[in-house]
PDB file of N, CA and C in Angstrom:
ATOM      1  N   MET A   1      87.900 120.734 112.075  1.00  0.00           N
ATOM      2  CA  MET A   1      86.643 120.037 112.072  1.00  0.00           C
ATOM      3  C   MET A   1      86.833 118.529 112.012  1.00  0.00           C
ATOM      4  N   GLU A   2      88.060 118.052 112.030  1.00  0.00           N
ATOM      5  CA  GLU A   2      88.350 116.624 111.960  1.00  0.00           C
ATOM      6  C   GLU A   2      87.557 115.890 113.026  1.00  0.00           C
ATOM      7  N   GLY A   3      86.825 114.843 112.587  1.00  0.00           N
ATOM      8  CA  GLY A   3      86.072 114.044 113.526  1.00  0.00           C
ATOM      9  C   GLY A   3      84.845 114.738 114.092  1.00  0.00           C
ATOM     10  N   ALA A   4      84.525 115.900 113.568  1.00  0.00           N
ATOM     11  CA  ALA A   4      83.387 116.649 114.091  1.00  0.00           C
ATOM     12  C   ALA A   4      82.115 115.855 113.873  1.00  0.00           C
ATOM     13  N   ASN A   5      81.272 115.845 114.869  1.00  0.00           N
ATOM     14  CA  ASN A   5      80.000 115.152 114.786  1.00  0.00           C
ATOM     15  C   ASN A   5      78.928 116.184 114.484  1.00  0.00           C
ATOM     16  N   LEU A   6      78.961 116.711 113.269  1.00  0.00           N
ATOM     17  CA  LEU A   6      78.027 117.759 112.940  1.00  0.00           C
ATOM     18  C   LEU A   6      77.373 117.521 111.604  1.00  0.00           C
ATOM     19  N   GLU A   7      76.349 118.295 111.378  1.00  0.00           N
ATOM     20  CA  GLU A   7      75.565 118.188 110.174  1.00  0.00           C
ATOM     21  C   GLU A   7      75.618 119.521 109.454  1.00  0.00           C
ATOM     22  N   VAL A   8      75.901 119.493 108.165  1.00  0.00           N
ATOM     23  CA  VAL A   8      75.966 120.702 107.363  1.00  0.00           C
ATOM     24  C   VAL A   8      74.921 120.572 106.267  1.00  0.00           C
ATOM     25  N   GLU A   9      74.053 121.572 106.145  1.00  0.00           N
ATOM     26  CA  GLU A   9      73.019 121.525 105.120  1.00  0.00           C
ATOM     27  C   GLU A   9      73.176 122.712 104.186  1.00  0.00           C
ATOM     28  N   MET A  10      73.122 122.432 102.878  1.00  0.00           N
ATOM     29  CA  MET A  10      73.182 123.487 101.872  1.00  0.00           C
ATOM     30  C   MET A  10      72.477 123.005 100.617  1.00  0.00           C
ATOM     31  N   ALA A  11      71.700 123.844 100.018  1.00  0.00           N
ATOM     32  CA  ALA A  11      71.004 123.565  98.761  1.00  0.00           C
ATOM     33  C   ALA A  11      70.317 122.204  98.766  1.00  0.00           C
ATOM     34  N   GLY A  12      69.676 121.853  99.872  1.00  0.00           N
ATOM     35  CA  GLY A  12      68.974 120.579  99.939  1.00  0.00           C
ATOM     36  C   GLY A  12      69.877 119.373 100.115  1.00  0.00           C
ATOM     37  N   ILE A  13      71.166 119.612 100.320  1.00  0.00           N
ATOM     38  CA  ILE A  13      72.128 118.535 100.546  1.00  0.00           C
ATOM     39  C   ILE A  13      72.546 118.587 102.010  1.00  0.00           C
ATOM     40  N   THR A  14      72.407 117.473 102.708  1.00  0.00           N
ATOM     41  CA  THR A  14      72.831 117.391 104.105  1.00  0.00           C
ATOM     42  C   THR A  14      74.067 116.503 104.185  1.00  0.00           C
ATOM     43  N   ARG A  15      75.122 117.023 104.809  1.00  0.00           N
ATOM     44  CA  ARG A  15      76.367 116.267 104.995  1.00  0.00           C
ATOM     45  C   ARG A  15      76.534 116.013 106.484  1.00  0.00           C
ATOM     46  N   ILE A  16      76.751 114.750 106.849  1.00  0.00           N
ATOM     47  CA  ILE A  16      76.820 114.344 108.249  1.00  0.00           C
ATOM     48  C   ILE A  16      78.216 113.843 108.575  1.00  0.00           C
ATOM     49  N   GLU A  17      78.722 114.240 109.753  1.00  0.00           N
ATOM     50  CA  GLU A  17      80.066 113.884 110.214  1.00  0.00           C
ATOM     51  C   GLU A  17      81.113 114.224 109.153  1.00  0.00           C
ATOM     52  N   THR A  18      81.189 115.500 108.873  1.00  0.00           N
ATOM     53  CA  THR A  18      82.126 115.969 107.859  1.00  0.00           C
ATOM     54  C   THR A  18      83.515 116.195 108.445  1.00  0.00           C
ATOM     55  N   ASN A  19      84.515 116.053 107.616  1.00  0.00           N
ATOM     56  CA  ASN A  19      85.894 116.415 107.946  1.00  0.00           C
ATOM     57  C   ASN A  19      86.563 116.851 106.648  1.00  0.00           C
ATOM     58  N   PRO A  20      87.815 117.248 106.656  1.00  0.00           N
ATOM     59  CA  PRO A  20      88.446 117.730 105.420  1.00  0.00           C
ATOM     60  C   PRO A  20      88.518 116.692 104.298  1.00  0.00           C
ATOM     61  N   LYS A  21      88.403 115.404 104.621  1.00  0.00           N
ATOM     62  CA  LYS A  21      88.515 114.363 103.599  1.00  0.00           C
ATOM     63  C   LYS A  21      87.187 113.851 103.076  1.00  0.00           C
ATOM     64  N   LEU A  22      86.145 113.840 103.927  1.00  0.00           N
ATOM     65  CA  LEU A  22      84.896 113.210 103.511  1.00  0.00           C
ATOM     66  C   LEU A  22      83.757 113.595 104.440  1.00  0.00           C
ATOM     67  N   SER A  23      82.570 113.235 104.008  1.00  0.00           N
ATOM     68  CA  SER A  23      81.391 113.263 104.874  1.00  0.00           C
ATOM     69  C   SER A  23      81.016 111.807 105.101  1.00  0.00           C
ATOM     70  N   ARG A  24      80.640 111.470 106.315  1.00  0.00           N
ATOM     71  CA  ARG A  24      80.269 110.080 106.611  1.00  0.00           C
ATOM     72  C   ARG A  24      79.029 109.688 105.818  1.00  0.00           C
ATOM     73  N   VAL A  25      78.063 110.640 105.726  1.00  0.00           N
ATOM     74  CA  VAL A  25      76.835 110.414 104.961  1.00  0.00           C
ATOM     75  C   VAL A  25      76.472 111.709 104.252  1.00  0.00           C
ATOM     76  N   VAL A  26      75.993 111.582 103.016  1.00  0.00           N
ATOM     77  CA  VAL A  26      75.450 112.722 102.278  1.00  0.00           C
ATOM     78  C   VAL A  26      74.023 112.350 101.881  1.00  0.00           C
ATOM     79  N   VAL A  27      73.075 113.232 102.241  1.00  0.00           N
ATOM     80  CA  VAL A  27      71.667 112.983 101.948  1.00  0.00           C
ATOM     81  C   VAL A  27      71.167 114.048 100.986  1.00  0.00           C
ATOM     82  N   HIS A  28      70.481 113.607  99.925  1.00  0.00           N
ATOM     83  CA  HIS A  28      69.901 114.538  98.957  1.00  0.00           C
ATOM     84  C   HIS A  28      68.725 113.862  98.264  1.00  0.00           C
ATOM     85  N   ASN A  29      67.641 114.576  98.177  1.00  0.00           N
ATOM     86  CA  ASN A  29      66.499 114.145  97.389  1.00  0.00           C
ATOM     87  C   ASN A  29      66.024 112.731  97.757  1.00  0.00           C
ATOM     88  N   GLY A  30      65.968 112.424  99.049  1.00  0.00           N
ATOM     89  CA  GLY A  30      65.437 111.153  99.502  1.00  0.00           C
ATOM     90  C   GLY A  30      66.390 109.972  99.430  1.00  0.00           C
ATOM     91  N   THR A  31      67.666 110.250  99.172  1.00  0.00           N
ATOM     92  CA  THR A  31      68.668 109.189  99.081  1.00  0.00           C
ATOM     93  C   THR A  31      69.868 109.537  99.949  1.00  0.00           C
ATOM     94  N   ALA A  32      70.404 108.526 100.641  1.00  0.00           N
ATOM     95  CA  ALA A  32      71.597 108.716 101.483  1.00  0.00           C
ATOM     96  C   ALA A  32      72.738 107.874 100.928  1.00  0.00           C
ATOM     97  N   TRP A  33      73.887 108.521 100.748  1.00  0.00           N
ATOM     98  CA  TRP A  33      75.117 107.856 100.298  1.00  0.00           C
ATOM     99  C   TRP A  33      76.049 107.799 101.498  1.00  0.00           C
ATOM    100  N   PHE A  34      76.528 106.607 101.813  1.00  0.00           N
ATOM    101  CA  PHE A  34      77.381 106.388 102.980  1.00  0.00           C
ATOM    102  C   PHE A  34      78.817 106.148 102.545  1.00  0.00           C
ATOM    103  N   SER A  35      79.760 106.783 103.238  1.00  0.00           N
ATOM    104  CA  SER A  35      81.178 106.513 103.010  1.00  0.00           C
ATOM    105  C   SER A  35      81.491 105.115 103.500  1.00  0.00           C
ATOM    106  N   GLY A  36      82.660 104.624 103.141  1.00  0.00           N
ATOM    107  CA  GLY A  36      83.074 103.290 103.557  1.00  0.00           C
ATOM    108  C   GLY A  36      83.112 103.152 105.072  1.00  0.00           C
ATOM    109  N   ILE A  37      82.594 102.043 105.562  1.00  0.00           N
ATOM    110  CA  ILE A  37      82.558 101.753 106.999  1.00  0.00           C
ATOM    111  C   ILE A  37      83.439 100.533 107.247  1.00  0.00           C
ATOM    112  N   VAL A  38      84.362 100.664 108.186  1.00  0.00           N
ATOM    113  CA  VAL A  38      85.190  99.531 108.603  1.00  0.00           C
ATOM    114  C   VAL A  38      84.958  99.286 110.091  1.00  0.00           C
ATOM    115  N   ALA A  39      85.338  98.110 110.556  1.00  0.00           N
ATOM    116  CA  ALA A  39      85.180  97.766 111.968  1.00  0.00           C
ATOM    117  C   ALA A  39      86.078  98.643 112.834  1.00  0.00           C
ATOM    118  N   ALA A  40      85.665  98.863 114.052  1.00  0.00           N
ATOM    119  CA  ALA A  40      86.488  99.604 115.014  1.00  0.00           C
ATOM    120  C   ALA A  40      87.619  98.733 115.547  1.00  0.00           C
ATOM    121  N   ASP A  41      87.377  97.427 115.637  1.00  0.00           N
ATOM    122  CA  ASP A  41      88.366  96.490 116.180  1.00  0.00           C
ATOM    123  C   ASP A  41      88.872  95.591 115.059  1.00  0.00           C
ATOM    124  N   TRP A  42      90.066  95.877 114.584  1.00  0.00           N
ATOM    125  CA  TRP A  42      90.640  95.133 113.458  1.00  0.00           C
ATOM    126  C   TRP A  42      91.232  93.796 113.863  1.00  0.00           C
ATOM    127  N   THR A  43      91.205  93.469 115.158  1.00  0.00           N
ATOM    128  CA  THR A  43      91.718  92.165 115.586  1.00  0.00           C
ATOM    129  C   THR A  43      90.647  91.080 115.475  1.00  0.00           C
ATOM    130  N   LEU A  44      89.405  91.472 115.253  1.00  0.00           N
ATOM    131  CA  LEU A  44      88.310  90.510 115.135  1.00  0.00           C
ATOM    132  C   LEU A  44      88.402  89.725 113.837  1.00  0.00           C
ATOM    133  N   ASP A  45      87.805  88.532 113.825  1.00  0.00           N
ATOM    134  CA  ASP A  45      87.718  87.758 112.586  1.00  0.00           C
ATOM    135  C   ASP A  45      86.674  88.407 111.677  1.00  0.00           C
ATOM    136  N   ILE A  46      86.444  87.818 110.513  1.00  0.00           N
ATOM    137  CA  ILE A  46      85.541  88.435 109.535  1.00  0.00           C
ATOM    138  C   ILE A  46      84.119  88.541 110.065  1.00  0.00           C
ATOM    139  N   GLN A  47      83.654  87.571 110.828  1.00  0.00           N
ATOM    140  CA  GLN A  47      82.294  87.671 111.352  1.00  0.00           C
ATOM    141  C   GLN A  47      82.185  88.786 112.394  1.00  0.00           C
ATOM    142  N   GLY A  48      83.202  88.937 113.230  1.00  0.00           N
ATOM    143  CA  GLY A  48      83.207  90.024 114.200  1.00  0.00           C
ATOM    144  C   GLY A  48      83.269  91.378 113.530  1.00  0.00           C
ATOM    145  N   GLN A  49      84.132  91.514 112.519  1.00  0.00           N
ATOM    146  CA  GLN A  49      84.231  92.794 111.811  1.00  0.00           C
ATOM    147  C   GLN A  49      82.948  93.092 111.049  1.00  0.00           C
ATOM    148  N   THR A  50      82.361  92.095 110.409  1.00  0.00           N
ATOM    149  CA  THR A  50      81.105  92.310 109.683  1.00  0.00           C
ATOM    150  C   THR A  50      80.018  92.763 110.653  1.00  0.00           C
ATOM    151  N   GLY A  51      79.931  92.134 111.815  1.00  0.00           N
ATOM    152  CA  GLY A  51      78.942  92.530 112.826  1.00  0.00           C
ATOM    153  C   GLY A  51      79.129  93.961 113.281  1.00  0.00           C
ATOM    154  N   GLN A  52      80.388  94.365 113.524  1.00  0.00           N
ATOM    155  CA  GLN A  52      80.651  95.750 113.943  1.00  0.00           C
ATOM    156  C   GLN A  52      80.272  96.741 112.842  1.00  0.00           C
ATOM    157  N   VAL A  53      80.607  96.411 111.607  1.00  0.00           N
ATOM    158  CA  VAL A  53      80.288  97.299 110.487  1.00  0.00           C
ATOM    159  C   VAL A  53      78.774  97.446 110.349  1.00  0.00           C
ATOM    160  N   LEU A  54      78.046  96.355 110.449  1.00  0.00           N
ATOM    161  CA  LEU A  54      76.595  96.428 110.321  1.00  0.00           C
ATOM    162  C   LEU A  54      75.950  97.158 111.494  1.00  0.00           C
ATOM    163  N   SER A  55      76.514  97.031 112.683  1.00  0.00           N
ATOM    164  CA  SER A  55      76.012  97.797 113.832  1.00  0.00           C
ATOM    165  C   SER A  55      76.200  99.295 113.610  1.00  0.00           C
ATOM    166  N   ARG A  56      77.360  99.675 113.105  1.00  0.00           N
ATOM    167  CA  ARG A  56      77.620 101.091 112.799  1.00  0.00           C
ATOM    168  C   ARG A  56      76.681 101.573 111.699  1.00  0.00           C
ATOM    169  N   LEU A  57      76.454 100.732 110.686  1.00  0.00           N
ATOM    170  CA  LEU A  57      75.525 101.111 109.625  1.00  0.00           C
ATOM    171  C   LEU A  57      74.123 101.304 110.194  1.00  0.00           C
ATOM    172  N   ASP A  58      73.692 100.436 111.097  1.00  0.00           N
ATOM    173  CA  ASP A  58      72.389 100.617 111.748  1.00  0.00           C
ATOM    174  C   ASP A  58      72.277 102.006 112.369  1.00  0.00           C
ATOM    175  N   GLU A  59      73.303 102.409 113.126  1.00  0.00           N
ATOM    176  CA  GLU A  59      73.304 103.731 113.767  1.00  0.00           C
ATOM    177  C   GLU A  59      73.177 104.847 112.728  1.00  0.00           C
ATOM    178  N   LEU A  60      73.959 104.748 111.675  1.00  0.00           N
ATOM    179  CA  LEU A  60      73.937 105.787 110.643  1.00  0.00           C
ATOM    180  C   LEU A  60      72.619 105.806 109.891  1.00  0.00           C
ATOM    181  N   LEU A  61      72.071 104.647 109.579  1.00  0.00           N
ATOM    182  CA  LEU A  61      70.777 104.593 108.902  1.00  0.00           C
ATOM    183  C   LEU A  61      69.701 105.288 109.742  1.00  0.00           C
ATOM    184  N   ILE A  62      69.661 104.963 111.021  1.00  0.00           N
ATOM    185  CA  ILE A  62      68.674 105.579 111.919  1.00  0.00           C
ATOM    186  C   ILE A  62      68.865 107.089 111.974  1.00  0.00           C
ATOM    187  N   SER A  63      70.114 107.541 111.969  1.00  0.00           N
ATOM    188  CA  SER A  63      70.392 108.980 112.081  1.00  0.00           C
ATOM    189  C   SER A  63      69.860 109.786 110.902  1.00  0.00           C
ATOM    190  N   VAL A  64      69.634 109.124 109.756  1.00  0.00           N
ATOM    191  CA  VAL A  64      69.124 109.840 108.581  1.00  0.00           C
ATOM    192  C   VAL A  64      67.670 109.479 108.263  1.00  0.00           C
ATOM    193  N   GLY A  65      67.025 108.743 109.156  1.00  0.00           N
ATOM    194  CA  GLY A  65      65.627 108.386 108.923  1.00  0.00           C
ATOM    195  C   GLY A  65      65.458 107.233 107.953  1.00  0.00           C
ATOM    196  N   SER A  66      66.389 106.301 107.980  1.00  0.00           N
ATOM    197  CA  SER A  66      66.346 105.145 107.099  1.00  0.00           C
ATOM    198  C   SER A  66      66.434 103.883 107.947  1.00  0.00           C
ATOM    199  N   GLY A  67      66.609 102.756 107.319  1.00  0.00           N
ATOM    200  CA  GLY A  67      66.734 101.500 108.038  1.00  0.00           C
ATOM    201  C   GLY A  67      67.200 100.400 107.108  1.00  0.00           C
ATOM    202  N   ARG A  68      67.403  99.228 107.668  1.00  0.00           N
ATOM    203  CA  ARG A  68      67.911  98.083 106.902  1.00  0.00           C
ATOM    204  C   ARG A  68      67.093  97.796 105.654  1.00  0.00           C
ATOM    205  N   SER A  69      65.772  97.857 105.790  1.00  0.00           N
ATOM    206  CA  SER A  69      64.894  97.524 104.659  1.00  0.00           C
ATOM    207  C   SER A  69      64.967  98.553 103.539  1.00  0.00           C
ATOM    208  N   MET A  70      65.638  99.672 103.794  1.00  0.00           N
ATOM    209  CA  MET A  70      65.704 100.744 102.797  1.00  0.00           C
ATOM    210  C   MET A  70      67.071 100.832 102.119  1.00  0.00           C
ATOM    211  N   VAL A  71      67.966  99.883 102.426  1.00  0.00           N
ATOM    212  CA  VAL A  71      69.265  99.854 101.748  1.00  0.00           C
ATOM    213  C   VAL A  71      69.029  99.411 100.311  1.00  0.00           C
ATOM    214  N   LEU A  72      69.467 100.244  99.370  1.00  0.00           N
ATOM    215  CA  LEU A  72      69.237  99.995  97.954  1.00  0.00           C
ATOM    216  C   LEU A  72      70.389  99.257  97.283  1.00  0.00           C
ATOM    217  N   ASN A  73      71.603  99.617  97.674  1.00  0.00           N
ATOM    218  CA  ASN A  73      72.799  99.102  97.009  1.00  0.00           C
ATOM    219  C   ASN A  73      73.916  98.982  98.029  1.00  0.00           C
ATOM    220  N   ALA A  74      74.734  97.946  97.880  1.00  0.00           N
ATOM    221  CA  ALA A  74      75.894  97.768  98.754  1.00  0.00           C
ATOM    222  C   ALA A  74      77.102  97.347  97.933  1.00  0.00           C
ATOM    223  N   GLN A  75      78.242  97.920  98.286  1.00  0.00           N
ATOM    224  CA  GLN A  75      79.534  97.479  97.765  1.00  0.00           C
ATOM    225  C   GLN A  75      80.307  96.945  98.958  1.00  0.00           C
ATOM    226  N   ILE A  76      80.720  95.707  98.881  1.00  0.00           N
ATOM    227  CA  ILE A  76      81.490  95.098  99.955  1.00  0.00           C
ATOM    228  C   ILE A  76      82.897  94.853  99.426  1.00  0.00           C
ATOM    229  N   TRP A  77      83.852  95.437 100.101  1.00  0.00           N
ATOM    230  CA  TRP A  77      85.254  95.235  99.753  1.00  0.00           C
ATOM    231  C   TRP A  77      85.850  94.330 100.812  1.00  0.00           C
ATOM    232  N   MET A  78      86.508  93.266 100.371  1.00  0.00           N
ATOM    233  CA  MET A  78      87.060  92.280 101.304  1.00  0.00           C
ATOM    234  C   MET A  78      88.553  92.080 101.070  1.00  0.00           C
ATOM    235  N   LYS A  79      89.249  91.791 102.147  1.00  0.00           N
ATOM    236  CA  LYS A  79      90.687  91.527 102.071  1.00  0.00           C
ATOM    237  C   LYS A  79      90.958  90.160 101.445  1.00  0.00           C
ATOM    238  N   ASP A  80      90.177  89.149 101.825  1.00  0.00           N
ATOM    239  CA  ASP A  80      90.431  87.781 101.369  1.00  0.00           C
ATOM    240  C   ASP A  80      89.100  87.077 101.125  1.00  0.00           C
ATOM    241  N   MET A  81      88.605  87.142  99.896  1.00  0.00           N
ATOM    242  CA  MET A  81      87.311  86.543  99.580  1.00  0.00           C
ATOM    243  C   MET A  81      87.344  85.025  99.695  1.00  0.00           C
ATOM    244  N   VAL A  82      88.453  84.404  99.360  1.00  0.00           N
ATOM    245  CA  VAL A  82      88.535  82.945  99.437  1.00  0.00           C
ATOM    246  C   VAL A  82      88.341  82.480 100.879  1.00  0.00           C
ATOM    247  N   ALA A  83      89.032  83.120 101.811  1.00  0.00           N
ATOM    248  CA  ALA A  83      88.971  82.708 103.213  1.00  0.00           C
ATOM    249  C   ALA A  83      87.708  83.184 103.922  1.00  0.00           C
ATOM    250  N   ASP A  84      87.182  84.362 103.555  1.00  0.00           N
ATOM    251  CA  ASP A  84      86.165  85.024 104.375  1.00  0.00           C
ATOM    252  C   ASP A  84      84.774  85.154 103.764  1.00  0.00           C
ATOM    253  N   PHE A  85      84.615  84.866 102.493  1.00  0.00           N
ATOM    254  CA  PHE A  85      83.364  85.165 101.802  1.00  0.00           C
ATOM    255  C   PHE A  85      82.155  84.479 102.444  1.00  0.00           C
ATOM    256  N   ASN A  86      82.231  83.189 102.684  1.00  0.00           N
ATOM    257  CA  ASN A  86      81.078  82.463 103.238  1.00  0.00           C
ATOM    258  C   ASN A  86      80.740  82.917 104.654  1.00  0.00           C
ATOM    259  N   ALA A  87      81.764  83.133 105.481  1.00  0.00           N
ATOM    260  CA  ALA A  87      81.532  83.566 106.858  1.00  0.00           C
ATOM    261  C   ALA A  87      80.936  84.978 106.896  1.00  0.00           C
ATOM    262  N   MET A  88      81.411  85.859 106.025  1.00  0.00           N
ATOM    263  CA  MET A  88      80.842  87.208 105.947  1.00  0.00           C
ATOM    264  C   MET A  88      79.387  87.128 105.491  1.00  0.00           C
ATOM    265  N   ASN A  89      79.116  86.313 104.482  1.00  0.00           N
ATOM    266  CA  ASN A  89      77.759  86.187 103.956  1.00  0.00           C
ATOM    267  C   ASN A  89      76.778  85.670 104.999  1.00  0.00           C
ATOM    268  N   GLU A  90      77.237  84.826 105.897  1.00  0.00           N
ATOM    269  CA  GLU A  90      76.363  84.314 106.959  1.00  0.00           C
ATOM    270  C   GLU A  90      75.867  85.456 107.836  1.00  0.00           C
ATOM    271  N   VAL A  91      76.774  86.338 108.258  1.00  0.00           N
ATOM    272  CA  VAL A  91      76.389  87.492 109.087  1.00  0.00           C
ATOM    273  C   VAL A  91      75.527  88.451 108.278  1.00  0.00           C
ATOM    274  N   TRP A  92      75.959  88.750 107.062  1.00  0.00           N
ATOM    275  CA  TRP A  92      75.248  89.661 106.163  1.00  0.00           C
ATOM    276  C   TRP A  92      73.803  89.200 105.953  1.00  0.00           C
ATOM    277  N   SER A  93      73.621  87.941 105.580  1.00  0.00           N
ATOM    278  CA  SER A  93      72.287  87.423 105.259  1.00  0.00           C
ATOM    279  C   SER A  93      71.372  87.416 106.473  1.00  0.00           C
ATOM    280  N   ASN A  94      71.918  87.153 107.645  1.00  0.00           N
ATOM    281  CA  ASN A  94      71.107  87.155 108.871  1.00  0.00           C
ATOM    282  C   ASN A  94      70.721  88.553 109.316  1.00  0.00           C
ATOM    283  N   TRP A  95      71.436  89.561 108.854  1.00  0.00           N
ATOM    284  CA  TRP A  95      71.167  90.950 109.244  1.00  0.00           C
ATOM    285  C   TRP A  95      69.896  91.478 108.581  1.00  0.00           C
ATOM    286  N   PHE A  96      69.613  91.008 107.380  1.00  0.00           N
ATOM    287  CA  PHE A  96      68.441  91.473 106.631  1.00  0.00           C
ATOM    288  C   PHE A  96      67.250  90.558 106.855  1.00  0.00           C
ATOM    289  N   ALA A  97      66.068  91.136 106.820  1.00  0.00           N
ATOM    290  CA  ALA A  97      64.842  90.336 106.817  1.00  0.00           C
ATOM    291  C   ALA A  97      64.727  89.659 105.452  1.00  0.00           C
ATOM    292  N   PRO A  98      64.096  88.498 105.391  1.00  0.00           N
ATOM    293  CA  PRO A  98      63.935  87.820 104.098  1.00  0.00           C
ATOM    294  C   PRO A  98      63.283  88.732 103.059  1.00  0.00           C
ATOM    295  N   GLY A  99      63.839  88.732 101.880  1.00  0.00           N
ATOM    296  CA  GLY A  99      63.297  89.523 100.779  1.00  0.00           C
ATOM    297  C   GLY A  99      63.717  90.978 100.764  1.00  0.00           C
ATOM    298  N   GLU A 100      64.564  91.414 101.710  1.00  0.00           N
ATOM    299  CA  GLU A 100      64.938  92.830 101.787  1.00  0.00           C
ATOM    300  C   GLU A 100      66.410  93.088 101.491  1.00  0.00           C
ATOM    301  N   THR A 101      67.105  92.133 100.897  1.00  0.00           N
ATOM    302  CA  THR A 101      68.521  92.355 100.575  1.00  0.00           C
ATOM    303  C   THR A 101      68.654  93.320  99.407  1.00  0.00           C
ATOM    304  N   PRO A 102      69.690  94.158  99.439  1.00  0.00           N
ATOM    305  CA  PRO A 102      69.888  95.149  98.375  1.00  0.00           C
ATOM    306  C   PRO A 102      70.631  94.564  97.177  1.00  0.00           C
ATOM    307  N   ALA A 103      70.684  95.337  96.110  1.00  0.00           N
ATOM    308  CA  ALA A 103      71.613  95.019  95.022  1.00  0.00           C
ATOM    309  C   ALA A 103      73.012  95.083  95.623  1.00  0.00           C
ATOM    310  N   ARG A 104      73.928  94.215  95.166  1.00  0.00           N
ATOM    311  CA  ARG A 104      75.217  94.142  95.846  1.00  0.00           C
ATOM    312  C   ARG A 104      76.325  93.705  94.896  1.00  0.00           C
ATOM    313  N   ALA A 105      77.510  94.234  95.151  1.00  0.00           N
ATOM    314  CA  ALA A 105      78.731  93.777  94.487  1.00  0.00           C
ATOM    315  C   ALA A 105      79.778  93.557  95.564  1.00  0.00           C
ATOM    316  N   THR A 106      80.585  92.520  95.401  1.00  0.00           N
ATOM    317  CA  THR A 106      81.646  92.218  96.361  1.00  0.00           C
ATOM    318  C   THR A 106      82.949  92.064  95.599  1.00  0.00           C
ATOM    319  N   SER A 107      83.995  92.714  96.100  1.00  0.00           N
ATOM    320  CA  SER A 107      85.294  92.666  95.434  1.00  0.00           C
ATOM    321  C   SER A 107      86.396  92.446  96.457  1.00  0.00           C
ATOM    322  N   GLN A 108      87.496  91.870  96.006  1.00  0.00           N
ATOM    323  CA  GLN A 108      88.681  91.729  96.852  1.00  0.00           C
ATOM    324  C   GLN A 108      89.602  92.910  96.592  1.00  0.00           C
ATOM    325  N   VAL A 109      90.098  93.506  97.677  1.00  0.00           N
ATOM    326  CA  VAL A 109      90.960  94.688  97.577  1.00  0.00           C
ATOM    327  C   VAL A 109      92.125  94.564  98.552  1.00  0.00           C
ATOM    328  N   THR A 110      93.074  95.450  98.426  1.00  0.00           N
ATOM    329  CA  THR A 110      94.172  95.562  99.377  1.00  0.00           C
ATOM    330  C   THR A 110      93.944  96.819 100.202  1.00  0.00           C
ATOM    331  N   PHE A 111      93.891  96.660 101.527  1.00  0.00           N
ATOM    332  CA  PHE A 111      93.691  97.791 102.426  1.00  0.00           C
ATOM    333  C   PHE A 111      95.031  98.323 102.908  1.00  0.00           C
ATOM    334  N   ASP A 112      95.076  99.615 103.249  1.00  0.00           N
ATOM    335  CA  ASP A 112      96.285 100.216 103.818  1.00  0.00           C
ATOM    336  C   ASP A 112      96.617  99.612 105.179  1.00  0.00           C
ATOM    337  N   GLU A 113      95.594  99.288 105.952  1.00  0.00           N
ATOM    338  CA  GLU A 113      95.774  98.690 107.280  1.00  0.00           C
ATOM    339  C   GLU A 113      95.576  97.183 107.162  1.00  0.00           C
ATOM    340  N   PRO A 114      96.574  96.392 107.495  1.00  0.00           N
ATOM    341  CA  PRO A 114      96.477  94.942 107.290  1.00  0.00           C
ATOM    342  C   PRO A 114      95.402  94.245 108.121  1.00  0.00           C
ATOM    343  N   GLY A 115      94.959  94.825 109.227  1.00  0.00           N
ATOM    344  CA  GLY A 115      93.940  94.190 110.053  1.00  0.00           C
ATOM    345  C   GLY A 115      92.532  94.337 109.527  1.00  0.00           C
ATOM    346  N   ILE A 116      92.306  95.265 108.615  1.00  0.00           N
ATOM    347  CA  ILE A 116      90.965  95.469 108.061  1.00  0.00           C
ATOM    348  C   ILE A 116      90.642  94.310 107.122  1.00  0.00           C
ATOM    349  N   ARG A 117      89.523  93.659 107.363  1.00  0.00           N
ATOM    350  CA  ARG A 117      89.104  92.525 106.537  1.00  0.00           C
ATOM    351  C   ARG A 117      87.922  92.881 105.631  1.00  0.00           C
ATOM    352  N   LEU A 118      87.245  94.023 105.937  1.00  0.00           N
ATOM    353  CA  LEU A 118      86.010  94.347 105.234  1.00  0.00           C
ATOM    354  C   LEU A 118      85.750  95.847 105.284  1.00  0.00           C
ATOM    355  N   GLU A 119      85.271  96.394 104.173  1.00  0.00           N
ATOM    356  CA  GLU A 119      84.761  97.771 104.140  1.00  0.00           C
ATOM    357  C   GLU A 119      83.435  97.729 103.400  1.00  0.00           C
ATOM    358  N   LEU A 120      82.466  98.467 103.912  1.00  0.00           N
ATOM    359  CA  LEU A 120      81.118  98.462 103.353  1.00  0.00           C
ATOM    360  C   LEU A 120      80.720  99.872 102.946  1.00  0.00           C
ATOM    361  N   ILE A 121      80.193  99.990 101.735  1.00  0.00           N
ATOM    362  CA  ILE A 121      79.686 101.261 101.208  1.00  0.00           C
ATOM    363  C   ILE A 121      78.243 101.007 100.763  1.00  0.00           C
ATOM    364  N   VAL A 122      77.311 101.827 101.232  1.00  0.00           N
ATOM    365  CA  VAL A 122      75.918 101.621 100.852  1.00  0.00           C
ATOM    366  C   VAL A 122      75.246 102.911 100.396  1.00  0.00           C
ATOM    367  N   VAL A 123      74.145 102.718  99.682  1.00  0.00           N
ATOM    368  CA  VAL A 123      73.216 103.776  99.314  1.00  0.00           C
ATOM    369  C   VAL A 123      71.859 103.317  99.838  1.00  0.00           C
ATOM    370  N   ALA A 124      71.131 104.245 100.486  1.00  0.00           N
ATOM    371  CA  ALA A 124      69.836 103.881 101.066  1.00  0.00           C
ATOM    372  C   ALA A 124      68.799 104.964 100.787  1.00  0.00           C
ATOM    373  N   ALA A 125      67.569 104.538 100.706  1.00  0.00           N
ATOM    374  CA  ALA A 125      66.449 105.489 100.619  1.00  0.00           C
ATOM    375  C   ALA A 125      66.220 106.073 102.006  1.00  0.00           C
ATOM    376  N   VAL A 126      65.731 107.299 102.039  1.00  0.00           N
ATOM    377  CA  VAL A 126      65.404 107.966 103.294  1.00  0.00           C
ATOM    378  C   VAL A 126      63.896 108.169 103.320  1.00  0.00           C
ATOM    379  N   ALA A 127      63.277 107.851 104.447  1.00  0.00           N
ATOM    380  CA  ALA A 127      61.837 107.995 104.583  1.00  0.00           C
ATOM    381  C   ALA A 127      61.418 109.440 104.356  1.00  0.00           C
ATOM    382  N   ALA A 128      60.320 109.614 103.660  1.00  0.00           N
ATOM    383  CA  ALA A 128      59.791 110.976 103.446  1.00  0.00           C
ATOM    384  C   ALA A 128      59.370 111.548 104.787  1.00  0.00           C
ATOM    385  N   SER A 129      59.683 112.834 104.973  1.00  0.00           N
ATOM    386  CA  SER A 129      59.326 113.462 106.263  1.00  0.00           C
ATOM    387  C   SER A 129      58.077 114.279 106.165  1.00  0.00           C
TER     388      SER A 129
END
């Protein structure tokens, strides 16, 4: 099932894009938890990687009936906060409408892949159906 693009539902819990290690998104009781998202192209600078990550998040949010304005919490992990923090924040802040930014924490970490500059983990509300 590695890389499978499928949805598994059990006991009111929906798991999206599951594989033996993780589910890309888990939805339960009106809340969606997203696994870490990294850029597809690790050769990009921090603004390029941030843009790719946010584009992927847009796709995933839409897939669960959510959107940017419904992001509740974000954890941003960065390779080099000193070098990249302001440039990442510029892309991040422009992505949200004024007044709709989530609660957020940002930390510097060491990634297994040296080209990764950013990983994003979010929790979002899901629209009632």
